[in-house]
Protein backbone atom coordinates (compact mmCIF):
# COMPACT_ATOMS: atom_id res chain seq x y z
CA SER A 1 -16.64 -4.44 -13.92
CA THR A 2 -19.74 -2.78 -15.29
CA THR A 3 -19.49 -0.66 -18.40
CA HIS A 4 -22.56 1.44 -17.67
CA LYS A 5 -21.81 3.21 -14.41
CA THR A 6 -18.56 5.13 -13.97
CA LEU A 7 -17.42 4.17 -17.47
CA ALA A 8 -20.64 5.72 -18.86
CA GLY A 9 -21.06 3.15 -21.62
CA PRO A 10 -23.91 0.82 -22.51
CA ARG A 11 -25.32 -1.60 -19.95
CA GLY A 12 -23.02 -4.56 -19.62
CA GLY A 13 -19.71 -5.59 -18.25
CA ILE A 14 -16.11 -6.40 -18.95
CA ILE A 15 -13.75 -8.94 -17.47
CA LEU A 16 -10.06 -8.04 -17.38
CA ALA A 17 -7.48 -10.78 -16.96
CA LYS A 18 -3.75 -11.24 -17.06
CA ASN A 19 -2.54 -12.11 -20.56
CA GLY A 20 -1.63 -15.70 -21.27
CA ASP A 21 -3.56 -17.56 -18.57
CA GLU A 22 -5.18 -20.16 -20.84
CA ASP A 23 -6.60 -22.13 -17.92
CA PHE A 24 -8.44 -19.03 -16.70
CA TYR A 25 -9.82 -18.32 -20.18
CA LYS A 26 -11.17 -21.87 -20.49
CA LYS A 27 -12.84 -21.69 -17.07
CA LEU A 28 -14.31 -18.30 -17.88
CA ASN A 29 -15.64 -19.38 -21.26
CA SER A 30 -17.27 -22.51 -19.88
CA ALA A 31 -18.82 -20.58 -16.97
CA VAL A 32 -20.19 -17.71 -19.05
CA PHE A 33 -21.14 -19.17 -22.42
CA PRO A 34 -23.74 -20.37 -23.32
CA GLY A 35 -25.53 -20.04 -19.95
CA GLY A 36 -25.02 -16.39 -19.07
CA GLN A 37 -24.11 -14.86 -22.40
CA GLY A 38 -25.78 -14.92 -25.77
CA GLY A 39 -24.78 -13.65 -29.16
CA PRO A 40 -22.88 -10.38 -29.45
CA LEU A 41 -24.91 -7.24 -30.05
CA MET A 42 -23.04 -5.00 -32.47
CA HIS A 43 -24.57 -1.78 -31.15
CA VAL A 44 -23.45 -2.70 -27.61
CA ILE A 45 -19.94 -3.54 -28.82
CA ALA A 46 -19.81 -0.18 -30.62
CA GLY A 47 -21.05 1.62 -27.50
CA LYS A 48 -18.40 -0.05 -25.37
CA ALA A 49 -15.72 0.89 -27.91
CA VAL A 50 -16.79 4.54 -27.68
CA ALA A 51 -16.76 4.38 -23.86
CA PHE A 52 -13.27 2.82 -23.84
CA LYS A 53 -12.01 5.49 -26.26
CA GLU A 54 -13.44 8.24 -24.04
CA ALA A 55 -11.80 6.61 -21.00
CA MET A 56 -8.40 6.99 -22.70
CA GLU A 57 -8.77 10.77 -22.96
CA PRO A 58 -7.37 13.16 -20.31
CA GLU A 59 -10.87 14.63 -19.81
CA PHE A 60 -12.07 11.28 -18.50
CA LYS A 61 -9.59 11.45 -15.63
CA THR A 62 -10.84 14.96 -14.83
CA TYR A 63 -14.43 13.69 -14.97
CA GLN A 64 -13.67 10.79 -12.60
CA GLN A 65 -11.92 13.12 -10.17
CA GLN A 66 -15.01 15.36 -10.19
CA VAL A 67 -17.26 12.32 -9.62
CA ALA A 68 -15.32 11.54 -6.42
CA LYS A 69 -15.27 15.20 -5.30
CA ASN A 70 -19.02 15.40 -5.82
CA ALA A 71 -19.68 12.26 -3.77
CA LYS A 72 -17.50 13.58 -0.95
CA ALA A 73 -19.29 16.95 -0.99
CA MET A 74 -22.70 15.27 -0.78
CA VAL A 75 -21.56 13.09 2.12
CA GLU A 76 -20.34 16.15 4.04
CA VAL A 77 -23.76 17.82 3.77
CA LEU A 78 -25.67 14.68 4.69
CA ILE A 79 -23.49 14.09 7.76
CA GLU A 80 -24.03 17.73 8.78
CA ARG A 81 -27.77 17.11 8.44
CA GLY A 82 -27.56 14.12 10.80
CA TYR A 83 -27.46 11.20 8.39
CA ASP A 84 -25.32 8.12 9.00
CA ILE A 85 -23.07 7.20 6.10
CA VAL A 86 -21.90 3.58 6.05
CA SER A 87 -18.09 3.58 6.39
CA GLY A 88 -18.21 7.20 7.56
CA GLY A 89 -17.66 8.71 4.12
CA THR A 90 -16.56 7.91 0.60
CA TYR A 91 -13.50 7.96 -1.60
CA ASN A 92 -15.23 6.91 -4.79
CA HIS A 93 -18.37 7.47 -6.86
CA LEU A 94 -21.00 6.30 -4.40
CA PHE A 95 -22.07 6.09 -0.79
CA LEU A 96 -24.66 4.34 1.32
CA ILE A 97 -26.95 6.11 3.81
CA ASP A 98 -28.03 4.05 6.82
CA LEU A 99 -31.57 5.16 7.70
CA VAL A 100 -32.08 2.95 10.78
CA SER A 101 -31.62 5.88 13.19
CA LYS A 102 -34.16 7.90 11.18
CA ASN A 103 -36.80 5.15 11.52
CA LEU A 104 -37.13 5.20 7.75
CA THR A 105 -36.88 2.34 5.27
CA GLY A 106 -34.95 2.39 2.04
CA LYS A 107 -38.18 1.65 0.20
CA GLU A 108 -39.91 4.69 1.74
CA ALA A 109 -36.90 6.93 1.09
CA ASP A 110 -36.57 5.75 -2.51
CA ALA A 111 -40.27 6.38 -3.16
CA ALA A 112 -40.31 9.85 -1.57
CA LEU A 113 -37.16 10.95 -3.41
CA GLY A 114 -38.57 9.51 -6.63
CA ARG A 115 -41.63 11.74 -6.26
CA ALA A 116 -39.19 14.67 -6.11
CA ASN A 117 -37.48 13.45 -9.32
CA ILE A 118 -34.37 12.32 -7.43
CA THR A 119 -33.27 8.81 -8.36
CA VAL A 120 -31.58 6.65 -5.72
CA ASN A 121 -31.58 2.92 -4.97
CA LYS A 122 -32.88 1.26 -1.85
CA ASN A 123 -30.02 -0.81 -0.47
CA SER A 124 -29.38 -3.09 2.48
CA VAL A 125 -27.00 -1.82 5.15
CA PRO A 126 -24.71 -3.91 7.40
CA ASN A 127 -26.80 -5.98 9.85
CA ASP A 128 -29.95 -4.69 8.18
CA PRO A 129 -33.06 -5.50 10.23
CA LYS A 130 -35.25 -5.16 7.11
CA SER A 131 -35.66 -7.56 4.22
CA PRO A 132 -33.79 -6.97 0.93
CA PHE A 133 -37.13 -5.93 -0.57
CA VAL A 134 -37.55 -3.11 1.97
CA THR A 135 -34.01 -2.32 3.26
CA SER A 136 -32.79 0.25 5.75
CA GLY A 137 -30.62 2.26 3.42
CA ILE A 138 -30.26 4.04 0.12
CA ARG A 139 -27.32 4.10 -2.26
CA ILE A 140 -26.43 7.29 -4.09
CA GLY A 141 -23.94 7.62 -6.93
CA THR A 142 -22.59 10.76 -8.55
CA PRO A 143 -21.55 9.75 -12.10
CA ALA A 144 -24.85 10.79 -13.73
CA VAL A 145 -25.06 14.24 -12.13
CA THR A 146 -21.37 14.83 -12.79
CA ARG A 147 -21.88 13.91 -16.44
CA ARG A 148 -24.57 16.63 -16.54
CA GLY A 149 -22.03 19.18 -15.25
CA PHE A 150 -22.87 19.32 -11.54
CA ASN A 151 -19.99 20.64 -9.43
CA GLU A 152 -19.49 20.54 -5.66
CA ALA A 153 -21.76 23.55 -5.06
CA ASP A 154 -24.53 21.95 -7.12
CA VAL A 155 -24.33 18.59 -5.34
CA ARG A 156 -24.23 20.26 -1.94
CA GLU A 157 -27.57 21.82 -2.87
CA LEU A 158 -28.81 18.45 -4.08
CA ALA A 159 -27.73 16.74 -0.84
CA GLY A 160 -29.63 19.39 1.11
CA TRP A 161 -32.74 18.70 -0.96
CA ILE A 162 -32.34 14.97 -0.33
CA ALA A 163 -32.16 15.64 3.41
CA ASP A 164 -35.21 17.93 3.17
CA VAL A 165 -37.24 15.15 1.56
CA LEU A 166 -35.97 12.45 3.92
CA ASP A 167 -36.80 14.67 6.89
CA ASN A 168 -40.34 15.08 5.51
CA VAL A 169 -41.22 11.93 3.54
CA ASN A 170 -44.94 12.42 4.11
CA ASP A 171 -45.02 16.16 3.37
CA GLU A 172 -46.07 16.52 -0.26
CA ALA A 173 -45.46 20.29 -0.16
CA THR A 174 -41.76 19.72 0.65
CA ILE A 175 -41.56 17.08 -2.06
CA GLU A 176 -43.18 19.39 -4.64
CA ARG A 177 -40.86 22.30 -3.70
CA THR A 178 -37.88 19.99 -4.06
CA LYS A 179 -39.15 18.63 -7.38
CA LYS A 180 -39.37 22.20 -8.69
CA LYS A 181 -35.74 22.85 -7.66
CA VAL A 182 -34.64 19.58 -9.28
CA LEU A 183 -36.38 20.48 -12.54
CA GLU A 184 -34.78 23.94 -12.49
CA ILE A 185 -31.23 22.64 -12.00
CA CYS A 186 -31.76 19.91 -14.61
CA SER A 187 -32.95 22.57 -17.04
CA ARG A 188 -29.80 24.59 -16.32
CA LEU A 189 -27.58 21.49 -16.61
CA PRO A 190 -29.21 19.34 -19.31
CA VAL A 191 -28.08 15.84 -20.22
CA TYR A 192 -26.99 17.02 -23.66
CA ALA A 193 -25.60 20.54 -23.68
């Protein structure tokens, strides 16, 4: 699993395994080191330790529940606005919008939303007619906005702004209006409060 997404730690990963499986450990060690892993970075180890400690606190469970609620709220708005969500919804921290019916590429959507200060990732969708460098979808996750303090009402607004931009990818006035709203909500809900 990654340590930098829902766990909110430093960039990296963790492998969890059943205790006592020496054969697995040997296979893992020979597959990972020295090819894919270098020397340990003490600041990354410390960051992971802090993230694991936070994950043991009751507030972390509340945070993760809010992450899922926020993703679900965003999906509801986007479906209402006519967007196709791969799998029809979400039960976790992210979702994938299929833009094929909107005649829009993931690359175009990512760029337009980026101009409005909204960060998403272009992402391939099932049976994607576009290349992985262009894609027909975007992936949106809610851990970062939830960490800032966004609640369901806030992310519903955000989902509406995303739809506004995607409905008008070539309208710089819409993008600028949206960017202003994004900056206002980010000022109200700063990264470090």
